[in-house]
């Protein structure tokens, strides 16, 4: 399944690169999606398309059920978008499209001061590899927002702005090495997984704010 997902991402990236070869505008930008590059192509005086690729990595610690987890967030995303310009004299636009991503948060539990992990309601000794969790987002996430730029007006440099939101329900996988089954029950393991899932469940809406510089040929 992951091979299929990766192939879908690669295909999307290839589509973006093919679009860039015919684009009338290229740009670089950065923000909540990370840093990246893109290309835009006008369709009419009031519509256009743009495609982009961006990403970044970030280490971050989180606390779930009195257990600290050291995590690393990896964002690798492509985007395919349709731009509509409602005002003929303005670069303001409404944008809809899709994020195609390989986003992943991986984390492992950190022992407390007593050298224990908390799994569900039990504290267990850190005698083996740490329990770990992986959170992924859907490979394709719908996006809706507003922005400025990418409108075919004149050649030269310009600014781009995107403000919107992407939607996707996170999926959590919790892995506990077999040795810990000697110290706790499956019910506690399931409870810990549920608490981690509840922690990330609130993050279905991904805010997008990107600023960039473009050049139109």
N, C-alpha and C. Protein backbone atom coordinates (compact mmCIF):
# COMPACT_ATOMS: atom_id res chain seq x y z
N UNK A 1 0.83 -1.20 0.00
CA UNK A 1 0.00 0.00 0.00
C UNK A 1 0.87 1.26 0.00
N UNK A 2 1.94 1.25 0.81
CA UNK A 2 2.81 2.42 0.84
C UNK A 2 3.48 2.62 -0.50
N UNK A 3 3.82 1.51 -1.20
CA UNK A 3 4.43 1.62 -2.53
C UNK A 3 3.47 2.32 -3.49
N UNK A 4 2.18 1.97 -3.40
CA UNK A 4 1.18 2.61 -4.25
C UNK A 4 1.07 4.09 -3.91
N UNK A 5 1.07 4.41 -2.61
CA UNK A 5 0.99 5.81 -2.20
C UNK A 5 2.19 6.61 -2.69
N UNK A 6 3.38 6.01 -2.56
CA UNK A 6 4.58 6.70 -3.03
C UNK A 6 4.53 6.91 -4.54
N UNK A 7 4.02 5.90 -5.26
CA UNK A 7 3.91 6.03 -6.71
C UNK A 7 2.97 7.17 -7.08
N UNK A 8 1.89 7.33 -6.30
CA UNK A 8 0.94 8.42 -6.57
C UNK A 8 1.60 9.77 -6.35
N UNK A 9 2.41 9.86 -5.31
CA UNK A 9 3.11 11.11 -5.05
C UNK A 9 4.10 11.42 -6.15
N UNK A 10 4.87 10.40 -6.58
CA UNK A 10 5.84 10.58 -7.66
C UNK A 10 5.14 11.03 -8.94
N UNK A 11 3.98 10.42 -9.24
CA UNK A 11 3.23 10.80 -10.44
C UNK A 11 2.78 12.25 -10.35
N UNK A 12 2.35 12.66 -9.17
CA UNK A 12 1.92 14.05 -8.99
C UNK A 12 3.08 15.01 -9.19
N UNK A 13 4.25 14.63 -8.66
CA UNK A 13 5.43 15.48 -8.82
C UNK A 13 5.82 15.58 -10.30
N UNK A 14 5.71 14.46 -11.02
CA UNK A 14 6.04 14.47 -12.44
C UNK A 14 5.09 15.40 -13.20
N UNK A 15 3.81 15.37 -12.82
CA UNK A 15 2.83 16.26 -13.44
C UNK A 15 3.20 17.72 -13.22
N UNK A 16 3.64 18.00 -11.99
CA UNK A 16 4.03 19.38 -11.67
C UNK A 16 5.25 19.82 -12.46
N UNK A 17 6.21 18.93 -12.59
CA UNK A 17 7.42 19.28 -13.33
C UNK A 17 7.10 19.49 -14.82
N UNK A 18 6.19 18.65 -15.35
CA UNK A 18 5.79 18.83 -16.74
C UNK A 18 5.08 20.17 -16.93
N UNK A 19 4.27 20.54 -15.94
CA UNK A 19 3.60 21.84 -16.00
C UNK A 19 4.59 22.99 -15.92
N UNK A 20 5.64 22.81 -15.12
CA UNK A 20 6.64 23.86 -14.97
C UNK A 20 7.37 24.13 -16.28
N UNK A 21 7.53 23.07 -17.10
CA UNK A 21 8.23 23.23 -18.38
C UNK A 21 7.45 24.14 -19.32
N UNK A 22 6.12 24.23 -19.14
CA UNK A 22 5.30 25.06 -20.00
C UNK A 22 4.81 26.34 -19.30
N UNK A 23 5.22 26.53 -18.06
CA UNK A 23 4.68 27.62 -17.27
C UNK A 23 5.13 28.98 -17.78
N UNK A 24 4.32 29.98 -17.48
CA UNK A 24 4.69 31.36 -17.77
C UNK A 24 5.17 32.08 -16.53
N UNK A 25 5.12 31.39 -15.38
CA UNK A 25 5.57 31.99 -14.13
C UNK A 25 6.17 30.91 -13.24
N UNK A 26 7.27 31.24 -12.60
CA UNK A 26 7.85 30.37 -11.58
C UNK A 26 7.95 31.16 -10.29
N UNK A 27 7.98 30.46 -9.16
CA UNK A 27 8.03 31.17 -7.89
C UNK A 27 8.67 30.31 -6.80
N UNK A 28 9.14 30.98 -5.77
CA UNK A 28 9.61 30.32 -4.54
C UNK A 28 8.78 30.88 -3.40
N UNK A 29 8.52 30.05 -2.40
CA UNK A 29 7.70 30.54 -1.30
C UNK A 29 8.01 29.75 -0.03
N UNK A 30 7.47 30.21 1.10
CA UNK A 30 7.66 29.55 2.37
C UNK A 30 6.53 29.89 3.32
N UNK A 31 6.32 28.99 4.30
CA UNK A 31 5.26 29.21 5.26
C UNK A 31 4.94 27.94 6.02
N UNK A 32 3.69 27.74 6.34
CA UNK A 32 3.30 26.60 7.16
C UNK A 32 3.42 25.26 6.45
N UNK A 33 3.53 25.28 5.13
CA UNK A 33 3.77 24.05 4.38
C UNK A 33 5.26 23.76 4.21
N UNK A 34 6.09 24.71 4.61
CA UNK A 34 7.52 24.58 4.41
C UNK A 34 7.98 25.50 3.29
N UNK A 35 9.20 25.27 2.83
CA UNK A 35 9.78 26.05 1.74
C UNK A 35 9.72 25.25 0.46
N UNK A 36 9.47 25.94 -0.66
CA UNK A 36 9.37 25.19 -1.90
C UNK A 36 9.38 26.07 -3.14
N UNK A 37 9.11 25.41 -4.26
CA UNK A 37 9.09 26.06 -5.57
C UNK A 37 7.80 25.70 -6.28
N UNK A 38 7.43 26.51 -7.26
CA UNK A 38 6.21 26.24 -8.00
C UNK A 38 6.22 26.90 -9.36
N UNK A 39 5.17 26.61 -10.12
CA UNK A 39 5.00 27.17 -11.45
C UNK A 39 3.52 27.41 -11.69
N UNK A 40 3.22 28.49 -12.44
CA UNK A 40 1.83 28.85 -12.72
C UNK A 40 1.63 29.02 -14.22
N UNK A 41 0.43 28.71 -14.66
CA UNK A 41 0.09 28.80 -16.09
C UNK A 41 -1.31 29.39 -16.22
N UNK A 42 -1.51 30.49 -16.95
CA UNK A 42 -2.85 31.04 -17.13
C UNK A 42 -3.66 30.20 -18.11
N UNK A 43 -4.97 30.12 -17.86
CA UNK A 43 -5.89 29.45 -18.78
C UNK A 43 -6.70 30.47 -19.57
N UNK A 44 -7.21 31.46 -18.85
CA UNK A 44 -7.94 32.58 -19.45
C UNK A 44 -7.55 33.84 -18.68
N UNK A 45 -8.22 34.94 -18.95
CA UNK A 45 -7.93 36.18 -18.22
C UNK A 45 -8.44 36.12 -16.79
N UNK A 46 -9.33 35.16 -16.49
CA UNK A 46 -9.88 35.07 -15.14
C UNK A 46 -9.61 33.73 -14.45
N UNK A 47 -8.82 32.86 -15.07
CA UNK A 47 -8.55 31.56 -14.47
C UNK A 47 -7.13 31.10 -14.81
N UNK A 48 -6.58 30.31 -13.93
CA UNK A 48 -5.26 29.75 -14.15
C UNK A 48 -5.04 28.55 -13.25
N UNK A 49 -3.91 27.90 -13.42
CA UNK A 49 -3.54 26.76 -12.57
C UNK A 49 -2.12 26.99 -12.07
N UNK A 50 -1.84 26.41 -10.92
CA UNK A 50 -0.46 26.40 -10.45
C UNK A 50 -0.17 25.10 -9.70
N UNK A 51 1.10 24.72 -9.72
CA UNK A 51 1.55 23.49 -9.08
C UNK A 51 2.82 23.80 -8.31
N UNK A 52 3.01 23.10 -7.20
CA UNK A 52 4.17 23.40 -6.36
C UNK A 52 4.63 22.17 -5.58
N UNK A 53 5.83 22.29 -5.05
CA UNK A 53 6.44 21.24 -4.24
C UNK A 53 7.16 21.92 -3.08
N UNK A 54 6.89 21.47 -1.84
CA UNK A 54 7.53 22.08 -0.70
C UNK A 54 7.65 21.07 0.44
N UNK A 55 8.42 21.44 1.46
CA UNK A 55 8.56 20.58 2.62
C UNK A 55 9.55 21.13 3.63
N UNK A 56 9.57 20.50 4.80
CA UNK A 56 10.57 20.80 5.83
C UNK A 56 10.48 19.73 6.91
N UNK A 57 11.44 19.75 7.83
CA UNK A 57 11.44 18.82 8.97
C UNK A 57 11.54 19.60 10.26
N UNK A 58 10.96 19.04 11.33
CA UNK A 58 10.93 19.72 12.62
C UNK A 58 10.89 18.69 13.73
N UNK A 59 11.76 18.84 14.73
CA UNK A 59 11.73 17.99 15.92
C UNK A 59 10.93 18.68 17.01
N UNK A 60 10.10 17.89 17.71
CA UNK A 60 9.21 18.49 18.70
C UNK A 60 8.80 17.42 19.72
N UNK A 61 8.72 17.81 20.99
CA UNK A 61 8.28 16.89 22.05
C UNK A 61 6.82 17.16 22.40
N UNK A 62 6.08 16.09 22.65
CA UNK A 62 4.67 16.20 23.05
C UNK A 62 4.43 15.34 24.27
N UNK A 63 3.40 15.69 25.04
CA UNK A 63 3.04 14.92 26.23
C UNK A 63 1.66 14.34 26.05
N UNK A 64 1.56 13.02 26.20
CA UNK A 64 0.28 12.33 26.09
C UNK A 64 0.12 11.42 27.29
N UNK A 65 -0.93 11.64 28.07
CA UNK A 65 -1.23 10.76 29.20
C UNK A 65 -0.04 10.68 30.15
N UNK A 66 0.56 11.83 30.46
CA UNK A 66 1.70 11.91 31.38
C UNK A 66 2.92 11.15 30.88
N UNK A 67 3.02 10.94 29.59
CA UNK A 67 4.20 10.31 29.00
C UNK A 67 4.73 11.24 27.91
N UNK A 68 6.02 11.59 28.00
CA UNK A 68 6.60 12.47 27.00
C UNK A 68 7.09 11.66 25.80
N UNK A 69 6.88 12.22 24.61
CA UNK A 69 7.32 11.60 23.37
C UNK A 69 8.21 12.57 22.62
N UNK A 70 9.39 12.08 22.22
CA UNK A 70 10.25 12.85 21.33
C UNK A 70 9.84 12.56 19.90
N UNK A 71 9.46 13.61 19.17
CA UNK A 71 8.92 13.39 17.83
C UNK A 71 9.68 14.15 16.76
N UNK A 72 9.52 13.69 15.53
CA UNK A 72 10.06 14.38 14.36
C UNK A 72 8.95 14.47 13.32
N UNK A 73 8.67 15.70 12.91
CA UNK A 73 7.66 15.95 11.89
C UNK A 73 8.33 16.12 10.54
N UNK A 74 7.91 15.32 9.57
CA UNK A 74 8.42 15.44 8.21
C UNK A 74 7.28 15.83 7.29
N UNK A 75 7.43 16.97 6.64
CA UNK A 75 6.46 17.41 5.64
C UNK A 75 7.09 17.34 4.26
N UNK A 76 6.45 16.64 3.37
CA UNK A 76 6.85 16.61 1.96
C UNK A 76 5.58 16.62 1.14
N UNK A 77 5.32 17.71 0.45
CA UNK A 77 4.02 17.91 -0.18
C UNK A 77 4.15 18.47 -1.58
N UNK A 78 3.19 18.09 -2.40
CA UNK A 78 2.98 18.73 -3.68
C UNK A 78 1.57 19.26 -3.70
N UNK A 79 1.33 20.24 -4.54
CA UNK A 79 -0.01 20.80 -4.63
C UNK A 79 -0.39 21.08 -6.07
N UNK A 80 -1.66 20.81 -6.39
CA UNK A 80 -2.22 21.11 -7.72
C UNK A 80 -3.47 21.96 -7.49
N UNK A 81 -3.52 23.16 -8.10
CA UNK A 81 -4.56 24.11 -7.75
C UNK A 81 -5.15 24.82 -8.98
N UNK A 82 -6.43 25.18 -8.84
CA UNK A 82 -7.13 26.02 -9.81
C UNK A 82 -7.34 27.38 -9.19
N UNK A 83 -6.96 28.43 -9.91
CA UNK A 83 -7.10 29.81 -9.44
C UNK A 83 -8.19 30.53 -10.23
N UNK A 84 -9.09 31.21 -9.52
CA UNK A 84 -10.13 32.03 -10.15
C UNK A 84 -9.96 33.47 -9.69
N UNK A 85 -9.93 34.39 -10.66
CA UNK A 85 -9.72 35.82 -10.38
C UNK A 85 -11.04 36.56 -10.61
N UNK A 86 -11.78 36.89 -9.54
CA UNK A 86 -13.11 37.51 -9.72
C UNK A 86 -13.05 38.97 -10.16
N UNK A 87 -11.90 39.64 -9.97
CA UNK A 87 -11.80 41.06 -10.31
C UNK A 87 -10.75 41.25 -11.40
N UNK A 88 -11.17 41.84 -12.50
CA UNK A 88 -10.28 41.97 -13.66
C UNK A 88 -9.06 42.84 -13.38
N UNK A 89 -9.18 43.78 -12.45
CA UNK A 89 -8.09 44.72 -12.20
C UNK A 89 -7.25 44.35 -10.98
N UNK A 90 -7.46 43.15 -10.44
CA UNK A 90 -6.78 42.77 -9.20
C UNK A 90 -6.19 41.37 -9.30
N UNK A 91 -5.11 41.13 -8.56
CA UNK A 91 -4.50 39.81 -8.47
C UNK A 91 -5.13 38.94 -7.40
N UNK A 92 -6.17 39.45 -6.72
CA UNK A 92 -6.87 38.65 -5.71
C UNK A 92 -7.50 37.44 -6.39
N UNK A 93 -7.43 36.29 -5.72
CA UNK A 93 -7.97 35.07 -6.31
C UNK A 93 -8.59 34.16 -5.24
N UNK A 94 -9.44 33.28 -5.72
CA UNK A 94 -9.96 32.16 -4.92
C UNK A 94 -9.30 30.90 -5.47
N UNK A 95 -8.77 30.09 -4.59
CA UNK A 95 -8.00 28.91 -5.01
C UNK A 95 -8.57 27.64 -4.39
N UNK A 96 -8.71 26.60 -5.22
CA UNK A 96 -9.14 25.29 -4.74
C UNK A 96 -8.25 24.24 -5.39
N UNK A 97 -8.03 23.16 -4.66
CA UNK A 97 -7.18 22.11 -5.22
C UNK A 97 -6.91 21.02 -4.23
N UNK A 98 -5.74 20.42 -4.33
CA UNK A 98 -5.41 19.27 -3.49
C UNK A 98 -3.94 19.29 -3.10
N UNK A 99 -3.69 18.93 -1.84
CA UNK A 99 -2.34 18.64 -1.38
C UNK A 99 -2.11 17.14 -1.53
N UNK A 100 -0.99 16.79 -2.13
CA UNK A 100 -0.60 15.39 -2.27
C UNK A 100 0.66 15.23 -1.43
N UNK A 101 0.58 14.45 -0.33
CA UNK A 101 1.66 14.56 0.64
C UNK A 101 2.21 13.23 1.14
N UNK A 102 3.38 13.34 1.72
CA UNK A 102 4.05 12.26 2.44
C UNK A 102 4.30 12.71 3.88
N UNK A 103 3.37 13.46 4.45
CA UNK A 103 3.55 13.99 5.80
C UNK A 103 3.53 12.87 6.83
N UNK A 104 4.42 12.98 7.83
CA UNK A 104 4.49 11.94 8.86
C UNK A 104 5.10 12.51 10.13
N UNK A 105 4.48 12.17 11.25
CA UNK A 105 5.03 12.47 12.56
C UNK A 105 5.38 11.16 13.23
N UNK A 106 6.65 10.95 13.52
CA UNK A 106 7.09 9.75 14.21
C UNK A 106 7.64 10.15 15.57
N UNK A 107 7.32 9.37 16.61
CA UNK A 107 7.72 9.73 17.96
C UNK A 107 7.96 8.48 18.80
N UNK A 108 8.87 8.59 19.76
CA UNK A 108 9.10 7.48 20.69
C UNK A 108 9.01 8.00 22.11
N UNK A 109 8.54 7.14 23.00
CA UNK A 109 8.34 7.51 24.39
C UNK A 109 9.67 7.73 25.09
N UNK A 110 9.68 8.67 26.05
CA UNK A 110 10.87 8.97 26.84
C UNK A 110 10.61 8.53 28.28
N UNK A 111 11.52 7.75 28.91
CA UNK A 111 11.29 7.34 30.31
C UNK A 111 11.19 8.55 31.24
N UNK A 112 10.37 8.41 32.29
CA UNK A 112 10.26 9.49 33.27
C UNK A 112 11.45 9.42 34.24
N UNK A 113 11.42 10.26 35.27
CA UNK A 113 12.54 10.33 36.20
C UNK A 113 12.78 9.02 36.93
N UNK A 114 11.77 8.19 37.04
CA UNK A 114 11.91 6.90 37.70
C UNK A 114 12.31 5.79 36.72
N UNK A 115 12.51 6.14 35.45
CA UNK A 115 12.90 5.15 34.45
C UNK A 115 11.75 4.30 33.97
N UNK A 116 10.55 4.86 33.95
CA UNK A 116 9.35 4.12 33.54
C UNK A 116 8.67 4.80 32.35
N UNK A 117 7.94 4.00 31.58
CA UNK A 117 7.00 4.51 30.59
C UNK A 117 5.60 4.35 31.15
N UNK A 118 4.69 5.23 30.75
CA UNK A 118 3.30 5.05 31.11
C UNK A 118 2.54 4.53 29.89
N UNK A 119 1.89 3.38 30.06
CA UNK A 119 1.07 2.78 29.00
C UNK A 119 -0.32 2.60 29.57
N UNK A 120 -1.26 3.35 29.07
CA UNK A 120 -2.60 3.31 29.65
C UNK A 120 -2.55 3.82 31.07
N UNK A 121 -2.98 2.96 32.04
CA UNK A 121 -2.95 3.34 33.46
C UNK A 121 -1.75 2.75 34.19
N UNK A 122 -0.88 2.02 33.49
CA UNK A 122 0.26 1.36 34.12
C UNK A 122 1.57 2.08 33.83
N UNK A 123 2.45 2.06 34.83
CA UNK A 123 3.83 2.47 34.64
C UNK A 123 4.67 1.20 34.50
N UNK A 124 5.43 1.11 33.43
CA UNK A 124 6.23 -0.09 33.17
C UNK A 124 7.70 0.31 33.08
N UNK A 125 8.62 -0.57 33.51
CA UNK A 125 10.04 -0.23 33.47
C UNK A 125 10.56 -0.19 32.03
N UNK A 126 11.46 0.75 31.78
CA UNK A 126 12.04 0.89 30.43
C UNK A 126 13.14 -0.15 30.25
N UNK A 127 12.73 -1.37 29.92
CA UNK A 127 13.67 -2.49 29.82
C UNK A 127 13.95 -2.88 28.38
N UNK A 128 13.30 -2.25 27.44
CA UNK A 128 13.51 -2.59 26.03
C UNK A 128 13.40 -1.35 25.16
N UNK A 129 13.26 -1.59 23.87
CA UNK A 129 13.06 -0.46 22.95
C UNK A 129 11.82 0.33 23.35
N UNK A 130 11.84 1.62 23.10
CA UNK A 130 10.75 2.49 23.54
C UNK A 130 9.49 2.24 22.73
N UNK A 131 8.32 2.31 23.38
CA UNK A 131 7.07 2.36 22.61
C UNK A 131 7.10 3.56 21.67
N UNK A 132 6.48 3.41 20.51
CA UNK A 132 6.54 4.48 19.51
C UNK A 132 5.18 4.67 18.86
N UNK A 133 5.02 5.83 18.26
CA UNK A 133 3.78 6.17 17.56
C UNK A 133 4.11 6.85 16.25
N UNK A 134 3.28 6.59 15.26
CA UNK A 134 3.41 7.24 13.96
C UNK A 134 2.06 7.82 13.58
N UNK A 135 2.06 9.09 13.18
CA UNK A 135 0.84 9.77 12.74
C UNK A 135 1.01 10.19 11.29
N UNK A 136 0.08 9.80 10.46
CA UNK A 136 0.13 10.18 9.05
C UNK A 136 -1.17 10.87 8.66
N UNK A 137 -1.10 11.68 7.62
CA UNK A 137 -2.27 12.33 7.04
C UNK A 137 -2.64 11.64 5.74
N UNK A 138 -3.88 11.81 5.28
CA UNK A 138 -4.26 11.23 3.99
C UNK A 138 -3.33 11.69 2.88
N UNK A 139 -3.09 10.82 1.90
CA UNK A 139 -2.18 11.17 0.81
C UNK A 139 -2.70 12.32 -0.03
N UNK A 140 -4.02 12.46 -0.11
CA UNK A 140 -4.63 13.57 -0.84
C UNK A 140 -5.57 14.30 0.10
N UNK A 141 -5.36 15.62 0.23
CA UNK A 141 -6.17 16.44 1.11
C UNK A 141 -6.76 17.61 0.32
N UNK A 142 -8.07 17.80 0.35
CA UNK A 142 -8.67 18.95 -0.36
C UNK A 142 -8.25 20.26 0.28
N UNK A 143 -8.11 21.29 -0.56
CA UNK A 143 -7.68 22.61 -0.09
C UNK A 143 -8.60 23.68 -0.65
N UNK A 144 -8.89 24.68 0.19
CA UNK A 144 -9.67 25.84 -0.24
C UNK A 144 -9.10 27.08 0.43
N UNK A 145 -8.91 28.13 -0.35
CA UNK A 145 -8.37 29.34 0.24
C UNK A 145 -8.49 30.54 -0.68
N UNK A 146 -7.91 31.62 -0.23
CA UNK A 146 -7.82 32.84 -1.03
C UNK A 146 -6.34 33.19 -1.18
N UNK A 147 -6.05 34.11 -2.08
CA UNK A 147 -4.66 34.47 -2.27
C UNK A 147 -4.49 35.66 -3.17
N UNK A 148 -3.22 35.92 -3.47
CA UNK A 148 -2.87 37.02 -4.36
C UNK A 148 -1.70 36.57 -5.22
N UNK A 149 -1.74 36.95 -6.49
CA UNK A 149 -0.65 36.62 -7.39
C UNK A 149 -1.02 35.54 -8.38
N UNK A 150 -0.08 35.23 -9.29
CA UNK A 150 -0.23 34.26 -10.37
C UNK A 150 -1.12 34.75 -11.50
N UNK A 151 -1.60 35.99 -11.43
CA UNK A 151 -2.43 36.50 -12.51
C UNK A 151 -1.54 37.05 -13.63
N UNK A 152 -1.82 36.68 -14.89
CA UNK A 152 -0.98 37.17 -16.00
C UNK A 152 -1.25 38.65 -16.28
N UNK A 153 -0.37 39.49 -15.77
CA UNK A 153 -0.52 40.94 -15.97
C UNK A 153 0.65 41.47 -16.79
N UNK A 154 1.84 41.33 -16.26
CA UNK A 154 3.02 41.82 -16.97
C UNK A 154 4.22 40.98 -16.59
N UNK A 155 5.26 41.04 -17.38
CA UNK A 155 6.47 40.30 -17.11
C UNK A 155 7.23 40.92 -15.93
N UNK A 156 8.08 40.08 -15.31
CA UNK A 156 8.91 40.58 -14.22
C UNK A 156 8.55 39.94 -12.89
N UNK A 157 9.07 40.53 -11.82
CA UNK A 157 8.90 39.99 -10.48
C UNK A 157 7.56 40.39 -9.87
N UNK A 158 7.07 39.54 -8.98
CA UNK A 158 5.83 39.82 -8.29
C UNK A 158 5.81 39.11 -6.95
N UNK A 159 4.74 39.30 -6.20
CA UNK A 159 4.56 38.67 -4.89
C UNK A 159 3.40 37.69 -4.94
N UNK A 160 3.47 36.66 -4.14
CA UNK A 160 2.37 35.70 -4.02
C UNK A 160 2.01 35.54 -2.55
N UNK A 161 0.75 35.31 -2.32
CA UNK A 161 0.24 35.08 -0.96
C UNK A 161 -0.86 34.04 -1.03
N UNK A 162 -0.81 33.07 -0.13
CA UNK A 162 -1.88 32.08 -0.03
C UNK A 162 -2.30 31.94 1.43
N UNK A 163 -3.61 31.98 1.65
CA UNK A 163 -4.19 31.83 2.98
C UNK A 163 -5.39 30.91 2.85
N UNK A 164 -5.33 29.75 3.50
CA UNK A 164 -6.42 28.79 3.37
C UNK A 164 -6.29 27.65 4.34
N UNK A 165 -6.97 26.57 4.03
CA UNK A 165 -6.97 25.41 4.92
C UNK A 165 -7.11 24.13 4.10
N UNK A 166 -6.37 23.10 4.51
CA UNK A 166 -6.50 21.77 3.93
C UNK A 166 -7.13 20.86 4.98
N UNK A 167 -7.88 19.86 4.51
CA UNK A 167 -8.59 18.98 5.43
C UNK A 167 -8.11 17.55 5.27
N UNK A 168 -7.84 16.90 6.41
CA UNK A 168 -7.47 15.49 6.38
C UNK A 168 -7.49 14.90 7.77
N UNK A 169 -8.06 13.72 7.91
CA UNK A 169 -8.15 13.07 9.24
C UNK A 169 -6.87 12.29 9.51
N UNK A 170 -6.16 12.60 10.62
CA UNK A 170 -4.91 11.88 10.91
C UNK A 170 -5.17 10.41 11.26
N UNK A 171 -4.18 9.59 10.93
CA UNK A 171 -4.24 8.17 11.27
C UNK A 171 -3.06 7.83 12.19
N UNK A 172 -3.33 7.15 13.30
CA UNK A 172 -2.31 6.85 14.30
C UNK A 172 -2.01 5.36 14.36
N UNK A 173 -0.72 5.04 14.41
CA UNK A 173 -0.26 3.67 14.65
C UNK A 173 0.61 3.67 15.90
N UNK A 174 0.29 2.81 16.85
CA UNK A 174 1.03 2.74 18.12
C UNK A 174 1.69 1.38 18.20
N UNK A 175 3.00 1.38 18.45
CA UNK A 175 3.75 0.13 18.49
C UNK A 175 4.42 -0.04 19.86
N UNK A 176 4.13 -1.18 20.50
CA UNK A 176 4.71 -1.49 21.80
C UNK A 176 5.51 -2.79 21.68
N UNK A 177 6.82 -2.77 21.93
CA UNK A 177 7.61 -4.00 21.87
C UNK A 177 7.02 -5.09 22.76
N UNK A 178 7.15 -6.35 22.33
CA UNK A 178 6.49 -7.47 22.99
C UNK A 178 6.86 -7.61 24.46
N UNK A 179 8.07 -7.18 24.83
CA UNK A 179 8.51 -7.38 26.21
C UNK A 179 7.60 -6.68 27.21
N UNK A 180 6.95 -5.60 26.78
CA UNK A 180 6.12 -4.85 27.72
C UNK A 180 4.79 -5.53 28.03
N UNK A 181 4.46 -6.57 27.27
CA UNK A 181 3.25 -7.34 27.58
C UNK A 181 3.42 -8.12 28.89
N UNK A 182 4.67 -8.20 29.39
CA UNK A 182 4.92 -8.84 30.68
C UNK A 182 4.52 -7.92 31.83
N UNK A 183 4.41 -6.63 31.56
CA UNK A 183 4.19 -5.66 32.63
C UNK A 183 2.84 -4.96 32.55
N UNK A 184 2.12 -5.11 31.45
CA UNK A 184 0.83 -4.45 31.31
C UNK A 184 -0.09 -5.31 30.43
N UNK A 185 -1.32 -4.88 30.32
CA UNK A 185 -2.32 -5.65 29.57
C UNK A 185 -2.55 -5.05 28.19
N UNK A 186 -3.16 -5.84 27.32
CA UNK A 186 -3.51 -5.34 25.99
C UNK A 186 -4.52 -4.20 26.10
N UNK A 187 -5.36 -4.27 27.12
CA UNK A 187 -6.34 -3.19 27.32
C UNK A 187 -5.65 -1.86 27.57
N UNK A 188 -4.56 -1.88 28.33
CA UNK A 188 -3.82 -0.64 28.58
C UNK A 188 -3.10 -0.16 27.33
N UNK A 189 -2.59 -1.10 26.54
CA UNK A 189 -1.94 -0.72 25.28
C UNK A 189 -2.96 -0.06 24.35
N UNK A 190 -4.15 -0.67 24.27
CA UNK A 190 -5.21 -0.10 23.44
C UNK A 190 -5.63 1.27 23.95
N UNK A 191 -5.66 1.42 25.28
CA UNK A 191 -6.05 2.70 25.87
C UNK A 191 -5.03 3.79 25.53
N UNK A 192 -3.75 3.43 25.57
CA UNK A 192 -2.73 4.42 25.24
C UNK A 192 -2.82 4.84 23.77
N UNK A 193 -3.08 3.88 22.90
CA UNK A 193 -3.25 4.21 21.48
C UNK A 193 -4.44 5.12 21.28
N UNK A 194 -5.52 4.87 22.00
CA UNK A 194 -6.71 5.71 21.89
C UNK A 194 -6.41 7.14 22.34
N UNK A 195 -5.63 7.28 23.42
CA UNK A 195 -5.32 8.62 23.92
C UNK A 195 -4.43 9.38 22.95
N UNK A 196 -3.52 8.68 22.31
CA UNK A 196 -2.69 9.34 21.30
C UNK A 196 -3.56 9.76 20.12
N UNK A 197 -4.46 8.87 19.70
CA UNK A 197 -5.37 9.20 18.59
C UNK A 197 -6.23 10.40 18.93
N UNK A 198 -6.74 10.44 20.17
CA UNK A 198 -7.56 11.58 20.61
C UNK A 198 -6.77 12.87 20.58
N UNK A 199 -5.47 12.78 20.89
CA UNK A 199 -4.62 13.97 20.92
C UNK A 199 -4.48 14.60 19.54
N UNK A 200 -4.34 13.75 18.52
CA UNK A 200 -4.12 14.28 17.16
C UNK A 200 -5.42 14.45 16.37
N UNK A 201 -6.51 13.90 16.90
CA UNK A 201 -7.79 13.95 16.17
C UNK A 201 -8.26 15.38 15.94
N UNK A 202 -7.83 16.29 16.82
CA UNK A 202 -8.28 17.68 16.71
C UNK A 202 -7.62 18.41 15.54
N UNK A 203 -6.59 17.80 14.95
CA UNK A 203 -5.83 18.48 13.91
C UNK A 203 -6.24 18.03 12.51
N UNK A 204 -7.54 18.03 12.24
CA UNK A 204 -8.02 17.67 10.91
C UNK A 204 -7.88 18.81 9.92
N UNK A 205 -7.88 20.04 10.42
CA UNK A 205 -7.75 21.21 9.56
C UNK A 205 -6.31 21.71 9.63
N UNK A 206 -5.66 21.75 8.47
CA UNK A 206 -4.27 22.19 8.41
C UNK A 206 -4.24 23.61 7.86
N UNK A 207 -3.85 24.61 8.70
CA UNK A 207 -3.82 25.99 8.22
C UNK A 207 -2.67 26.22 7.24
N UNK A 208 -2.94 26.97 6.21
CA UNK A 208 -1.93 27.25 5.18
C UNK A 208 -1.74 28.76 5.07
N UNK A 209 -0.50 29.19 5.25
CA UNK A 209 -0.11 30.57 5.02
C UNK A 209 1.25 30.53 4.34
N UNK A 210 1.29 30.94 3.08
CA UNK A 210 2.52 30.91 2.30
C UNK A 210 2.77 32.28 1.66
N UNK A 211 3.99 32.74 1.74
CA UNK A 211 4.41 33.99 1.09
C UNK A 211 5.53 33.68 0.10
N UNK A 212 5.49 34.35 -1.06
CA UNK A 212 6.50 34.03 -2.04
C UNK A 212 6.84 35.17 -2.99
N UNK A 213 7.85 34.89 -3.79
CA UNK A 213 8.28 35.82 -4.85
C UNK A 213 8.22 35.09 -6.18
N UNK A 214 7.62 35.71 -7.18
CA UNK A 214 7.44 35.07 -8.47
C UNK A 214 8.17 35.84 -9.57
N UNK A 215 8.38 35.15 -10.69
CA UNK A 215 8.91 35.83 -11.87
C UNK A 215 8.11 35.34 -13.08
N UNK A 216 7.54 36.29 -13.81
CA UNK A 216 6.74 35.97 -14.99
C UNK A 216 7.54 36.27 -16.26
N UNK A 217 7.54 35.29 -17.17
CA UNK A 217 8.30 35.42 -18.42
C UNK A 217 7.52 36.21 -19.47
